[in-house]
Amino acid sequence: MAPRDAPHASPAELAIAEIEEDIVLAKLHPKQRITEDELLERFALKRHVVREVLATLERMGLVERRKNVGALVRSFTPREVKELYALRELLESEAARRMPLPPDAEAIERLSEIQRVHDKAVEKRKLRDVFRANLAFHREFFSLTGDEVLERAIAEYARQTHAIRFGTLASADYRERSRKEHWEMIRALEEKDRARLVALCRAHLRPSRDTFLEHRGSGESA
């Protein structure tokens, strides 16, 4: 989904992107109800467009719609979180195994430029910009596989965990750790260190999973 400042984004796309950001940044919480009337007022959309927005958010795995209740921000059980992250780890580790090493210089420079944008957002504590730059980094990083099916699967399951990640994105320590790990990934690519690259992809996923489970009172690390 296009970010809010993307050129030529439709009103519906802008609304979807803003709600997506609100979920990641914990402005909307799991199980919180999202009503059509609220969206009508907030985004000045027609009712049929609001319904389209909610349907798209449901397909993205960000909300769930229940009969006689309406739309709710998606919630997760500890088991669902562990299963989602186990699948993400499998997909992202496999992507790291398939990347050609080293990538060409242009690919490294594109990835580095995106990371410099991410660095600046982290430094300025602009959380929406941090979120979008992080997405851009991972999109560019996993595109190095050259496998579009695998890329789409990674993006899909990453998006489904947006409502799980709020505990980490709000943490300055986590944002700094994430930023540093991105640069370590770039170095592993340049140095053709595949074992390190795979290990980084696995480790990069764990803080958001573990923080969520801790908040839910689970002492298991999965």
N, C-alpha and C. Protein backbone atom coordinates (compact mmCIF):
# COMPACT_ATOMS: atom_id res chain seq x y z
N MET A 1 0.84 -1.19 0.00
CA MET A 1 0.00 0.00 0.00
C MET A 1 0.88 1.25 0.00
N ALA A 2 0.46 2.23 -0.80
CA ALA A 2 1.26 3.45 -0.94
C ALA A 2 1.29 4.23 0.36
N PRO A 3 2.45 4.82 0.72
CA PRO A 3 2.50 5.69 1.89
C PRO A 3 1.67 6.93 1.67
N ARG A 4 1.43 7.64 2.74
CA ARG A 4 0.52 8.78 2.67
C ARG A 4 1.01 9.90 1.77
N ASP A 5 2.33 10.00 1.60
CA ASP A 5 2.86 11.08 0.76
C ASP A 5 3.17 10.62 -0.65
N ALA A 6 2.70 9.41 -1.04
CA ALA A 6 2.98 8.91 -2.38
C ALA A 6 2.23 9.75 -3.41
N PRO A 7 2.89 10.08 -4.53
CA PRO A 7 2.21 10.86 -5.56
C PRO A 7 1.09 10.04 -6.20
N HIS A 8 0.01 10.71 -6.51
CA HIS A 8 -1.12 10.11 -7.22
C HIS A 8 -1.87 9.06 -6.41
N ALA A 9 -1.64 8.98 -5.09
CA ALA A 9 -2.40 8.04 -4.27
C ALA A 9 -3.85 8.49 -4.20
N SER A 10 -4.76 7.54 -4.26
CA SER A 10 -6.19 7.86 -4.19
C SER A 10 -6.57 8.17 -2.75
N PRO A 11 -7.73 8.82 -2.53
CA PRO A 11 -8.19 9.06 -1.15
C PRO A 11 -8.30 7.78 -0.34
N ALA A 12 -8.75 6.70 -0.98
CA ALA A 12 -8.86 5.43 -0.26
C ALA A 12 -7.48 4.92 0.14
N GLU A 13 -6.50 5.01 -0.76
CA GLU A 13 -5.14 4.55 -0.45
C GLU A 13 -4.51 5.38 0.66
N LEU A 14 -4.78 6.67 0.66
CA LEU A 14 -4.26 7.53 1.71
C LEU A 14 -4.84 7.14 3.06
N ALA A 15 -6.15 6.86 3.08
CA ALA A 15 -6.79 6.46 4.33
C ALA A 15 -6.24 5.13 4.82
N ILE A 16 -6.07 4.18 3.91
CA ILE A 16 -5.54 2.87 4.28
C ILE A 16 -4.14 3.00 4.86
N ALA A 17 -3.30 3.80 4.21
CA ALA A 17 -1.92 3.98 4.69
C ALA A 17 -1.89 4.62 6.07
N GLU A 18 -2.76 5.59 6.30
CA GLU A 18 -2.77 6.27 7.61
C GLU A 18 -3.26 5.34 8.71
N ILE A 19 -4.27 4.53 8.41
CA ILE A 19 -4.76 3.58 9.41
C ILE A 19 -3.71 2.51 9.69
N GLU A 20 -3.03 2.05 8.64
CA GLU A 20 -1.94 1.10 8.81
C GLU A 20 -0.88 1.65 9.76
N GLU A 21 -0.50 2.90 9.55
CA GLU A 21 0.49 3.54 10.42
C GLU A 21 -0.04 3.66 11.85
N ASP A 22 -1.31 4.00 12.01
CA ASP A 22 -1.89 4.13 13.34
C ASP A 22 -1.85 2.81 14.10
N ILE A 23 -2.03 1.70 13.38
CA ILE A 23 -1.99 0.38 14.02
C ILE A 23 -0.56 0.06 14.47
N VAL A 24 0.41 0.30 13.58
CA VAL A 24 1.81 0.02 13.92
C VAL A 24 2.29 0.89 15.07
N LEU A 25 1.82 2.15 15.10
CA LEU A 25 2.29 3.10 16.12
C LEU A 25 1.42 3.09 17.38
N ALA A 26 0.50 2.11 17.46
CA ALA A 26 -0.33 1.91 18.65
C ALA A 26 -1.27 3.06 18.92
N LYS A 27 -1.59 3.84 17.90
CA LYS A 27 -2.67 4.82 18.04
C LYS A 27 -4.02 4.11 17.95
N LEU A 28 -4.02 2.96 17.31
CA LEU A 28 -5.15 2.05 17.31
C LEU A 28 -4.66 0.73 17.89
N HIS A 29 -5.40 0.16 18.82
CA HIS A 29 -4.95 -1.01 19.56
C HIS A 29 -5.69 -2.27 19.12
N PRO A 30 -5.08 -3.45 19.31
CA PRO A 30 -5.78 -4.70 19.03
C PRO A 30 -7.14 -4.74 19.72
N LYS A 31 -8.14 -5.18 18.97
CA LYS A 31 -9.53 -5.30 19.40
C LYS A 31 -10.28 -3.96 19.43
N GLN A 32 -9.59 -2.86 19.12
CA GLN A 32 -10.27 -1.56 19.09
C GLN A 32 -11.19 -1.50 17.88
N ARG A 33 -12.39 -1.00 18.10
CA ARG A 33 -13.38 -0.95 17.03
C ARG A 33 -13.12 0.25 16.12
N ILE A 34 -13.28 0.04 14.83
CA ILE A 34 -13.17 1.10 13.84
C ILE A 34 -14.51 1.20 13.14
N THR A 35 -15.21 2.31 13.31
CA THR A 35 -16.54 2.44 12.74
C THR A 35 -16.51 3.19 11.41
N GLU A 36 -17.51 2.89 10.60
CA GLU A 36 -17.64 3.60 9.33
C GLU A 36 -17.82 5.10 9.55
N ASP A 37 -18.63 5.45 10.56
CA ASP A 37 -18.89 6.87 10.80
C ASP A 37 -17.62 7.63 11.18
N GLU A 38 -16.75 7.00 11.98
CA GLU A 38 -15.49 7.64 12.34
C GLU A 38 -14.64 7.91 11.10
N LEU A 39 -14.57 6.94 10.21
CA LEU A 39 -13.77 7.09 9.00
C LEU A 39 -14.39 8.09 8.04
N LEU A 40 -15.72 8.13 7.98
CA LEU A 40 -16.39 9.14 7.16
C LEU A 40 -15.99 10.54 7.58
N GLU A 41 -16.00 10.76 8.89
CA GLU A 41 -15.68 12.09 9.42
C GLU A 41 -14.18 12.38 9.29
N ARG A 42 -13.36 11.42 9.59
CA ARG A 42 -11.92 11.65 9.62
C ARG A 42 -11.34 11.90 8.23
N PHE A 43 -11.80 11.14 7.24
CA PHE A 43 -11.18 11.21 5.92
C PHE A 43 -12.06 11.86 4.86
N ALA A 44 -13.26 12.26 5.23
CA ALA A 44 -14.17 12.91 4.28
C ALA A 44 -14.40 12.04 3.04
N LEU A 45 -14.63 10.77 3.28
CA LEU A 45 -14.88 9.83 2.19
C LEU A 45 -16.36 9.50 2.10
N LYS A 46 -16.78 9.00 0.96
CA LYS A 46 -18.14 8.51 0.82
C LYS A 46 -18.24 7.13 1.47
N ARG A 47 -19.47 6.76 1.86
CA ARG A 47 -19.63 5.52 2.63
C ARG A 47 -19.15 4.30 1.83
N HIS A 48 -19.39 4.25 0.54
CA HIS A 48 -18.96 3.08 -0.22
C HIS A 48 -17.43 3.01 -0.28
N VAL A 49 -16.76 4.17 -0.23
CA VAL A 49 -15.29 4.17 -0.22
C VAL A 49 -14.79 3.71 1.15
N VAL A 50 -15.45 4.14 2.21
CA VAL A 50 -15.08 3.68 3.56
C VAL A 50 -15.19 2.17 3.66
N ARG A 51 -16.26 1.61 3.07
CA ARG A 51 -16.41 0.16 3.11
C ARG A 51 -15.32 -0.54 2.30
N GLU A 52 -14.91 0.09 1.23
CA GLU A 52 -13.80 -0.43 0.43
C GLU A 52 -12.50 -0.40 1.25
N VAL A 53 -12.31 0.69 2.00
CA VAL A 53 -11.12 0.81 2.85
C VAL A 53 -11.08 -0.31 3.88
N LEU A 54 -12.21 -0.54 4.55
CA LEU A 54 -12.26 -1.58 5.58
C LEU A 54 -12.06 -2.97 4.98
N ALA A 55 -12.61 -3.20 3.80
CA ALA A 55 -12.44 -4.49 3.13
C ALA A 55 -10.97 -4.71 2.78
N THR A 56 -10.30 -3.66 2.33
CA THR A 56 -8.88 -3.78 1.99
C THR A 56 -8.05 -4.03 3.24
N LEU A 57 -8.35 -3.32 4.32
CA LEU A 57 -7.62 -3.54 5.57
C LEU A 57 -7.81 -4.97 6.08
N GLU A 58 -8.99 -5.51 5.86
CA GLU A 58 -9.23 -6.90 6.25
C GLU A 58 -8.39 -7.85 5.40
N ARG A 59 -8.34 -7.61 4.09
CA ARG A 59 -7.53 -8.45 3.21
C ARG A 59 -6.05 -8.35 3.56
N MET A 60 -5.64 -7.19 4.04
CA MET A 60 -4.24 -6.99 4.44
C MET A 60 -3.92 -7.66 5.77
N GLY A 61 -4.94 -8.16 6.46
CA GLY A 61 -4.71 -8.80 7.75
C GLY A 61 -4.58 -7.84 8.90
N LEU A 62 -5.01 -6.58 8.71
CA LEU A 62 -4.87 -5.57 9.75
C LEU A 62 -6.12 -5.43 10.61
N VAL A 63 -7.26 -5.70 10.05
CA VAL A 63 -8.50 -5.66 10.81
C VAL A 63 -9.28 -6.94 10.57
N GLU A 64 -10.22 -7.19 11.44
CA GLU A 64 -11.15 -8.31 11.26
C GLU A 64 -12.56 -7.79 11.45
N ARG A 65 -13.46 -8.24 10.60
CA ARG A 65 -14.85 -7.78 10.68
C ARG A 65 -15.73 -8.89 11.22
N ARG A 66 -16.55 -8.55 12.22
CA ARG A 66 -17.40 -9.52 12.89
C ARG A 66 -18.86 -9.11 12.77
N LYS A 67 -19.70 -10.08 12.58
CA LYS A 67 -21.13 -9.83 12.45
C LYS A 67 -21.67 -9.18 13.71
N ASN A 68 -22.45 -8.14 13.53
CA ASN A 68 -23.09 -7.37 14.62
C ASN A 68 -22.09 -6.59 15.48
N VAL A 69 -20.83 -6.58 15.09
CA VAL A 69 -19.81 -5.83 15.82
C VAL A 69 -19.17 -4.78 14.92
N GLY A 70 -18.81 -5.20 13.73
CA GLY A 70 -18.14 -4.30 12.80
C GLY A 70 -16.66 -4.63 12.70
N ALA A 71 -15.86 -3.64 12.38
CA ALA A 71 -14.43 -3.84 12.16
C ALA A 71 -13.65 -3.60 13.44
N LEU A 72 -12.72 -4.50 13.73
CA LEU A 72 -11.84 -4.39 14.89
C LEU A 72 -10.40 -4.52 14.43
N VAL A 73 -9.50 -3.79 15.09
CA VAL A 73 -8.08 -4.02 14.83
C VAL A 73 -7.76 -5.46 15.21
N ARG A 74 -7.05 -6.12 14.32
CA ARG A 74 -6.80 -7.54 14.53
C ARG A 74 -6.03 -7.78 15.82
N SER A 75 -6.42 -8.82 16.53
CA SER A 75 -5.72 -9.23 17.75
C SER A 75 -5.14 -10.62 17.54
N PHE A 76 -4.22 -11.00 18.40
CA PHE A 76 -3.50 -12.26 18.24
C PHE A 76 -3.39 -12.98 19.58
N THR A 77 -3.45 -14.30 19.53
CA THR A 77 -3.11 -15.11 20.68
C THR A 77 -1.59 -15.33 20.66
N PRO A 78 -0.99 -15.68 21.81
CA PRO A 78 0.44 -16.01 21.80
C PRO A 78 0.79 -17.10 20.78
N ARG A 79 -0.07 -18.08 20.64
CA ARG A 79 0.21 -19.14 19.67
C ARG A 79 0.25 -18.59 18.25
N GLU A 80 -0.69 -17.74 17.90
CA GLU A 80 -0.70 -17.15 16.56
C GLU A 80 0.55 -16.33 16.30
N VAL A 81 1.00 -15.59 17.32
CA VAL A 81 2.22 -14.79 17.17
C VAL A 81 3.42 -15.70 16.90
N LYS A 82 3.56 -16.75 17.67
CA LYS A 82 4.68 -17.67 17.48
C LYS A 82 4.65 -18.31 16.10
N GLU A 83 3.45 -18.70 15.66
CA GLU A 83 3.35 -19.34 14.35
C GLU A 83 3.66 -18.36 13.21
N LEU A 84 3.15 -17.14 13.33
CA LEU A 84 3.44 -16.14 12.30
C LEU A 84 4.93 -15.84 12.21
N TYR A 85 5.57 -15.68 13.35
CA TYR A 85 6.99 -15.36 13.33
C TYR A 85 7.85 -16.55 12.92
N ALA A 86 7.40 -17.75 13.23
CA ALA A 86 8.12 -18.93 12.75
C ALA A 86 8.09 -18.99 11.23
N LEU A 87 6.94 -18.67 10.65
CA LEU A 87 6.83 -18.66 9.20
C LEU A 87 7.67 -17.54 8.59
N ARG A 88 7.64 -16.36 9.21
CA ARG A 88 8.46 -15.25 8.71
C ARG A 88 9.94 -15.63 8.75
N GLU A 89 10.35 -16.29 9.82
CA GLU A 89 11.76 -16.66 9.94
C GLU A 89 12.15 -17.64 8.83
N LEU A 90 11.28 -18.59 8.53
CA LEU A 90 11.55 -19.53 7.45
C LEU A 90 11.69 -18.81 6.11
N LEU A 91 10.74 -17.93 5.82
CA LEU A 91 10.73 -17.22 4.54
C LEU A 91 11.94 -16.30 4.39
N GLU A 92 12.22 -15.53 5.44
CA GLU A 92 13.28 -14.53 5.34
C GLU A 92 14.67 -15.17 5.39
N SER A 93 14.80 -16.26 6.11
CA SER A 93 16.07 -17.00 6.09
C SER A 93 16.33 -17.60 4.71
N GLU A 94 15.28 -18.14 4.11
CA GLU A 94 15.42 -18.70 2.77
C GLU A 94 15.79 -17.62 1.77
N ALA A 95 15.20 -16.44 1.91
CA ALA A 95 15.56 -15.33 1.02
C ALA A 95 17.04 -15.00 1.15
N ALA A 96 17.54 -14.97 2.38
CA ALA A 96 18.96 -14.67 2.60
C ALA A 96 19.85 -15.72 1.96
N ARG A 97 19.40 -16.96 1.93
CA ARG A 97 20.18 -18.03 1.32
C ARG A 97 20.21 -17.92 -0.20
N ARG A 98 19.19 -17.27 -0.78
CA ARG A 98 19.08 -17.21 -2.23
C ARG A 98 19.72 -15.97 -2.84
N MET A 99 20.05 -14.99 -2.04
CA MET A 99 20.59 -13.74 -2.59
C MET A 99 21.97 -13.98 -3.19
N PRO A 100 22.21 -13.43 -4.37
CA PRO A 100 23.56 -13.51 -4.93
C PRO A 100 24.51 -12.66 -4.11
N LEU A 101 25.68 -13.21 -3.81
CA LEU A 101 26.66 -12.47 -3.00
C LEU A 101 27.98 -12.34 -3.75
N PRO A 102 28.55 -11.14 -3.80
CA PRO A 102 27.90 -9.90 -3.34
C PRO A 102 26.94 -9.38 -4.40
N PRO A 103 25.95 -8.58 -4.02
CA PRO A 103 25.10 -7.95 -5.03
C PRO A 103 25.93 -6.93 -5.83
N ASP A 104 25.38 -6.46 -6.94
CA ASP A 104 26.13 -5.45 -7.70
C ASP A 104 26.19 -4.14 -6.93
N ALA A 105 27.12 -3.30 -7.31
CA ALA A 105 27.38 -2.06 -6.57
C ALA A 105 26.16 -1.15 -6.55
N GLU A 106 25.39 -1.16 -7.64
CA GLU A 106 24.20 -0.30 -7.69
C GLU A 106 23.17 -0.74 -6.65
N ALA A 107 23.02 -2.04 -6.47
CA ALA A 107 22.07 -2.56 -5.48
C ALA A 107 22.50 -2.17 -4.07
N ILE A 108 23.78 -2.28 -3.78
CA ILE A 108 24.29 -1.89 -2.46
C ILE A 108 24.06 -0.41 -2.22
N GLU A 109 24.28 0.41 -3.24
CA GLU A 109 24.10 1.85 -3.07
C GLU A 109 22.63 2.20 -2.85
N ARG A 110 21.73 1.55 -3.58
CA ARG A 110 20.29 1.79 -3.36
C ARG A 110 19.90 1.44 -1.93
N LEU A 111 20.36 0.31 -1.46
CA LEU A 111 20.05 -0.13 -0.10
C LEU A 111 20.65 0.83 0.93
N SER A 112 21.87 1.27 0.68
CA SER A 112 22.53 2.20 1.60
C SER A 112 21.82 3.54 1.64
N GLU A 113 21.37 4.02 0.50
CA GLU A 113 20.66 5.30 0.45
C GLU A 113 19.34 5.22 1.23
N ILE A 114 18.62 4.14 1.07
CA ILE A 114 17.39 3.96 1.85
C ILE A 114 17.72 3.93 3.34
N GLN A 115 18.81 3.25 3.69
CA GLN A 115 19.16 3.17 5.11
C GLN A 115 19.58 4.52 5.67
N ARG A 116 20.19 5.35 4.85
CA ARG A 116 20.53 6.70 5.33
C ARG A 116 19.25 7.49 5.64
N VAL A 117 18.21 7.28 4.86
CA VAL A 117 16.91 7.91 5.14
C VAL A 117 16.35 7.37 6.47
N HIS A 118 16.48 6.06 6.65
CA HIS A 118 16.03 5.43 7.90
C HIS A 118 16.82 5.98 9.09
N ASP A 119 18.13 6.12 8.93
CA ASP A 119 18.97 6.69 9.99
C ASP A 119 18.45 8.07 10.42
N LYS A 120 18.17 8.89 9.43
CA LYS A 120 17.72 10.26 9.71
C LYS A 120 16.38 10.26 10.45
N ALA A 121 15.48 9.38 10.03
CA ALA A 121 14.17 9.29 10.70
C ALA A 121 14.33 8.83 12.14
N VAL A 122 15.23 7.87 12.38
CA VAL A 122 15.49 7.39 13.74
C VAL A 122 16.07 8.53 14.57
N GLU A 123 17.04 9.23 14.01
CA GLU A 123 17.68 10.34 14.72
C GLU A 123 16.68 11.41 15.11
N LYS A 124 15.75 11.72 14.22
CA LYS A 124 14.78 12.78 14.47
C LYS A 124 13.54 12.29 15.22
N ARG A 125 13.47 10.97 15.47
CA ARG A 125 12.36 10.35 16.22
C ARG A 125 11.02 10.56 15.52
N LYS A 126 11.04 10.55 14.21
CA LYS A 126 9.80 10.66 13.44
C LYS A 126 9.32 9.25 13.14
N LEU A 127 8.40 8.76 14.00
CA LEU A 127 8.07 7.34 13.98
C LEU A 127 7.39 6.91 12.69
N ARG A 128 6.54 7.76 12.12
CA ARG A 128 5.91 7.38 10.85
C ARG A 128 6.95 7.25 9.75
N ASP A 129 7.93 8.15 9.75
CA ASP A 129 9.00 8.07 8.75
C ASP A 129 9.89 6.86 9.01
N VAL A 130 10.12 6.53 10.29
CA VAL A 130 10.88 5.32 10.62
C VAL A 130 10.18 4.09 10.05
N PHE A 131 8.88 4.02 10.26
CA PHE A 131 8.10 2.88 9.79
C PHE A 131 8.21 2.74 8.27
N ARG A 132 7.99 3.84 7.55
CA ARG A 132 8.00 3.79 6.09
C ARG A 132 9.41 3.50 5.54
N ALA A 133 10.43 4.09 6.14
CA ALA A 133 11.79 3.83 5.68
C ALA A 133 12.19 2.38 5.96
N ASN A 134 11.73 1.85 7.08
CA ASN A 134 12.00 0.45 7.39
C ASN A 134 11.36 -0.47 6.36
N LEU A 135 10.11 -0.18 5.99
CA LEU A 135 9.45 -0.97 4.95
C LEU A 135 10.23 -0.90 3.65
N ALA A 136 10.67 0.30 3.29
CA ALA A 136 11.41 0.47 2.04
C ALA A 136 12.72 -0.32 2.06
N PHE A 137 13.40 -0.31 3.20
CA PHE A 137 14.66 -1.06 3.32
C PHE A 137 14.42 -2.54 3.07
N HIS A 138 13.43 -3.10 3.76
CA HIS A 138 13.19 -4.53 3.64
C HIS A 138 12.68 -4.91 2.25
N ARG A 139 11.89 -4.04 1.65
CA ARG A 139 11.43 -4.31 0.29
C ARG A 139 12.62 -4.38 -0.67
N GLU A 140 13.53 -3.43 -0.56
CA GLU A 140 14.71 -3.42 -1.42
C GLU A 140 15.63 -4.59 -1.10
N PHE A 141 15.81 -4.87 0.19
CA PHE A 141 16.68 -5.97 0.61
C PHE A 141 16.20 -7.30 0.05
N PHE A 142 14.92 -7.62 0.22
CA PHE A 142 14.42 -8.92 -0.22
C PHE A 142 14.24 -8.99 -1.73
N SER A 143 14.24 -7.84 -2.40
CA SER A 143 14.18 -7.88 -3.86
C SER A 143 15.47 -8.45 -4.44
N LEU A 144 16.53 -8.50 -3.64
CA LEU A 144 17.80 -9.05 -4.11
C LEU A 144 17.70 -10.53 -4.44
N THR A 145 16.66 -11.21 -3.94
CA THR A 145 16.50 -12.63 -4.27
C THR A 145 16.15 -12.82 -5.74
N GLY A 146 15.50 -11.82 -6.35
CA GLY A 146 15.02 -11.98 -7.71
C GLY A 146 13.83 -12.92 -7.82
N ASP A 147 13.25 -13.30 -6.70
CA ASP A 147 12.12 -14.24 -6.66
C ASP A 147 10.88 -13.46 -6.21
N GLU A 148 10.03 -13.07 -7.17
CA GLU A 148 8.89 -12.22 -6.86
C GLU A 148 7.87 -12.92 -5.97
N VAL A 149 7.70 -14.22 -6.13
CA VAL A 149 6.74 -14.95 -5.29
C VAL A 149 7.20 -14.93 -3.84
N LEU A 150 8.47 -15.19 -3.63
CA LEU A 150 9.02 -15.16 -2.27
C LEU A 150 8.93 -13.75 -1.69
N GLU A 151 9.24 -12.75 -2.48
CA GLU A 151 9.13 -11.36 -2.02
C GLU A 151 7.72 -11.03 -1.56
N ARG A 152 6.72 -11.43 -2.36
CA ARG A 152 5.33 -11.14 -2.01
C ARG A 152 4.93 -11.86 -0.73
N ALA A 153 5.37 -13.09 -0.57
CA ALA A 153 5.04 -13.85 0.64
C ALA A 153 5.65 -13.18 1.88
N ILE A 154 6.90 -12.74 1.76
CA ILE A 154 7.56 -12.06 2.87
C ILE A 154 6.81 -10.78 3.23
N ALA A 155 6.45 -9.98 2.21
CA ALA A 155 5.73 -8.73 2.46
C ALA A 155 4.37 -8.98 3.09
N GLU A 156 3.68 -10.01 2.62
CA GLU A 156 2.35 -10.32 3.14
C GLU A 156 2.38 -10.67 4.62
N TYR A 157 3.29 -11.56 4.99
CA TYR A 157 3.32 -11.98 6.40
C TYR A 157 3.94 -10.92 7.30
N ALA A 158 4.81 -10.09 6.75
CA ALA A 158 5.30 -8.96 7.54
C ALA A 158 4.17 -8.00 7.86
N ARG A 159 3.32 -7.73 6.86
CA ARG A 159 2.20 -6.81 7.07
C ARG A 159 1.22 -7.36 8.11
N GLN A 160 1.02 -8.66 8.11
CA GLN A 160 0.08 -9.26 9.06
C GLN A 160 0.55 -9.11 10.50
N THR A 161 1.83 -8.84 10.70
CA THR A 161 2.33 -8.66 12.07
C THR A 161 2.40 -7.20 12.48
N HIS A 162 1.86 -6.29 11.69
CA HIS A 162 1.92 -4.87 12.04
C HIS A 162 1.36 -4.60 13.45
N ALA A 163 0.23 -5.22 13.77
CA ALA A 163 -0.39 -4.95 15.07
C ALA A 163 0.38 -5.58 16.23
N ILE A 164 1.37 -6.40 15.92
CA ILE A 164 2.21 -7.02 16.95
C ILE A 164 3.41 -6.14 17.26
N ARG A 165 3.80 -5.27 16.33
CA ARG A 165 5.08 -4.58 16.41
C ARG A 165 5.07 -3.29 17.21
N PHE A 166 3.90 -2.88 17.71
CA PHE A 166 3.81 -1.56 18.35
C PHE A 166 4.74 -1.43 19.55
N GLY A 167 4.98 -2.53 20.27
CA GLY A 167 5.80 -2.46 21.47
C GLY A 167 7.25 -2.16 21.20
N THR A 168 7.71 -2.49 19.99
CA THR A 168 9.12 -2.26 19.66
C THR A 168 9.33 -0.93 18.95
N LEU A 169 8.47 -0.59 18.02
CA LEU A 169 8.67 0.65 17.28
C LEU A 169 8.66 1.86 18.21
N ALA A 170 7.91 1.76 19.30
CA ALA A 170 7.84 2.87 20.26
C ALA A 170 9.11 2.98 21.12
N SER A 171 9.97 1.97 21.05
CA SER A 171 11.18 1.94 21.89
C SER A 171 12.38 2.52 21.14
N ALA A 172 13.01 3.53 21.73
CA ALA A 172 14.20 4.13 21.13
C ALA A 172 15.33 3.11 21.03
N ASP A 173 15.46 2.24 22.03
CA ASP A 173 16.51 1.21 21.99
C ASP A 173 16.30 0.26 20.82
N TYR A 174 15.05 -0.12 20.60
CA TYR A 174 14.77 -1.02 19.48
C TYR A 174 15.04 -0.34 18.15
N ARG A 175 14.63 0.91 18.02
CA ARG A 175 14.84 1.62 16.75
C ARG A 175 16.33 1.71 16.44
N GLU A 176 17.14 1.96 17.46
CA GLU A 176 18.58 2.04 17.25
C GLU A 176 19.15 0.66 16.91
N ARG A 177 18.68 -0.37 17.58
CA ARG A 177 19.15 -1.73 17.28
C ARG A 177 18.79 -2.10 15.84
N SER A 178 17.59 -1.80 15.43
CA SER A 178 17.14 -2.11 14.07
C SER A 178 18.01 -1.40 13.04
N ARG A 179 18.28 -0.12 13.30
CA ARG A 179 19.11 0.68 12.38
C ARG A 179 20.50 0.05 12.22
N LYS A 180 21.10 -0.33 13.34
CA LYS A 180 22.44 -0.93 13.30
C LYS A 180 22.42 -2.28 12.58
N GLU A 181 21.37 -3.07 12.82
CA GLU A 181 21.29 -4.37 12.17
C GLU A 181 21.15 -4.23 10.66
N HIS A 182 20.46 -3.18 10.19
CA HIS A 182 20.37 -2.95 8.75
C HIS A 182 21.76 -2.75 8.14
N TRP A 183 22.60 -1.96 8.81
CA TRP A 183 23.95 -1.74 8.30
C TRP A 183 24.77 -3.02 8.36
N GLU A 184 24.55 -3.84 9.38
CA GLU A 184 25.24 -5.12 9.45
C GLU A 184 24.83 -6.03 8.30
N MET A 185 23.56 -5.98 7.91
CA MET A 185 23.09 -6.76 6.77
C MET A 185 23.80 -6.31 5.49
N ILE A 186 23.93 -5.00 5.33
CA ILE A 186 24.62 -4.48 4.15
C ILE A 186 26.07 -4.95 4.12
N ARG A 187 26.74 -4.90 5.29
CA ARG A 187 28.13 -5.36 5.35
C ARG A 187 28.24 -6.85 5.04
N ALA A 188 27.30 -7.65 5.55
CA ALA A 188 27.32 -9.09 5.27
C ALA A 188 27.15 -9.35 3.78
N LEU A 189 26.31 -8.56 3.12
CA LEU A 189 26.16 -8.68 1.68
C LEU A 189 27.48 -8.38 0.97
N GLU A 190 28.10 -7.28 1.35
CA GLU A 190 29.35 -6.86 0.70
C GLU A 190 30.48 -7.87 0.94
N GLU A 191 30.49 -8.44 2.15
CA GLU A 191 31.58 -9.36 2.52
C GLU A 191 31.28 -10.81 2.15
N LYS A 192 30.14 -11.04 1.52
CA LYS A 192 29.73 -12.39 1.07
C LYS A 192 29.64 -13.37 2.25
N ASP A 193 29.19 -12.85 3.38
CA ASP A 193 29.09 -13.68 4.59
C ASP A 193 27.64 -14.17 4.73
N ARG A 194 27.35 -15.27 4.04
CA ARG A 194 25.96 -15.74 4.01
C ARG A 194 25.49 -16.23 5.38
N ALA A 195 26.33 -16.92 6.11
CA ALA A 195 25.93 -17.41 7.43
C ALA A 195 25.54 -16.25 8.33
N ARG A 196 26.32 -15.17 8.29
CA ARG A 196 26.01 -13.99 9.09
C ARG A 196 24.71 -13.34 8.62
N LEU A 197 24.50 -13.31 7.32
CA LEU A 197 23.29 -12.71 6.77
C LEU A 197 22.04 -13.46 7.23
N VAL A 198 22.08 -14.78 7.16
CA VAL A 198 20.94 -15.59 7.61
C VAL A 198 20.69 -15.38 9.10
N ALA A 199 21.76 -15.37 9.89
CA ALA A 199 21.61 -15.18 11.34
C ALA A 199 21.02 -13.81 11.65
N LEU A 200 21.43 -12.78 10.91
CA LEU A 200 20.89 -11.44 11.12
C LEU A 200 19.40 -11.38 10.79
N CYS A 201 19.00 -12.03 9.71
CA CYS A 201 17.58 -12.04 9.34
C CYS A 201 16.73 -12.68 10.44
N ARG A 202 17.24 -13.73 11.03
CA ARG A 202 16.51 -14.39 12.12
C ARG A 202 16.44 -13.49 13.36
N ALA A 203 17.60 -12.97 13.74
CA ALA A 203 17.67 -12.16 14.96
C ALA A 203 16.85 -10.88 14.84
N HIS A 204 16.76 -10.35 13.64
CA HIS A 204 16.07 -9.08 13.41
C HIS A 204 14.57 -9.19 13.71
N LEU A 205 14.02 -10.38 13.60
CA LEU A 205 12.58 -10.59 13.80
C LEU A 205 12.20 -10.73 15.27
N ARG A 206 13.13 -11.16 16.09
CA ARG A 206 12.76 -11.65 17.42
C ARG A 206 12.31 -10.59 18.43
N PRO A 207 12.88 -9.38 18.42
CA PRO A 207 12.46 -8.42 19.45
C PRO A 207 10.96 -8.11 19.44
N SER A 208 10.36 -7.92 18.26
CA SER A 208 8.93 -7.59 18.24
C SER A 208 8.09 -8.77 18.71
N ARG A 209 8.48 -9.97 18.31
CA ARG A 209 7.77 -11.16 18.78
C ARG A 209 7.87 -11.30 20.29
N ASP A 210 9.09 -11.22 20.80
CA ASP A 210 9.31 -11.46 22.23
C ASP A 210 8.69 -10.36 23.09
N THR A 211 8.74 -9.12 22.61
CA THR A 211 8.13 -8.02 23.37
C THR A 211 6.62 -8.22 23.47
N PHE A 212 6.00 -8.62 22.37
CA PHE A 212 4.55 -8.87 22.40
C PHE A 212 4.22 -9.99 23.38
N LEU A 213 4.97 -11.08 23.33
CA LEU A 213 4.69 -12.20 24.21
C LEU A 213 4.90 -11.83 25.68
N GLU A 214 5.89 -11.02 25.94
CA GLU A 214 6.11 -10.55 27.31
C GLU A 214 4.94 -9.71 27.80
N HIS A 215 4.43 -8.85 26.93
CA HIS A 215 3.28 -8.02 27.31
C HIS A 215 2.04 -8.86 27.54
N ARG A 216 1.96 -10.01 26.86
CA ARG A 216 0.81 -10.89 27.05
C ARG A 216 1.00 -11.83 28.23
N GLY A 217 2.15 -11.69 28.91
CA GLY A 217 2.37 -12.52 30.09
C GLY A 217 2.91 -13.90 29.79
N SER A 218 3.43 -14.08 28.55
CA SER A 218 4.01 -15.37 28.22
C SER A 218 5.50 -15.33 28.44
N GLY A 219 6.02 -16.26 29.19
CA GLY A 219 7.45 -16.32 29.40
C GLY A 219 8.17 -17.14 28.35
N GLU A 220 7.39 -17.70 27.36
CA GLU A 220 8.01 -18.54 26.35
C GLU A 220 8.63 -17.68 25.29
N SER A 221 9.79 -18.06 24.79
CA SER A 221 10.46 -17.30 23.75
C SER A 221 10.29 -17.91 22.38
N ALA A 222 9.64 -19.08 22.29
CA ALA A 222 9.32 -19.77 21.04
C ALA A 222 10.57 -20.16 20.28
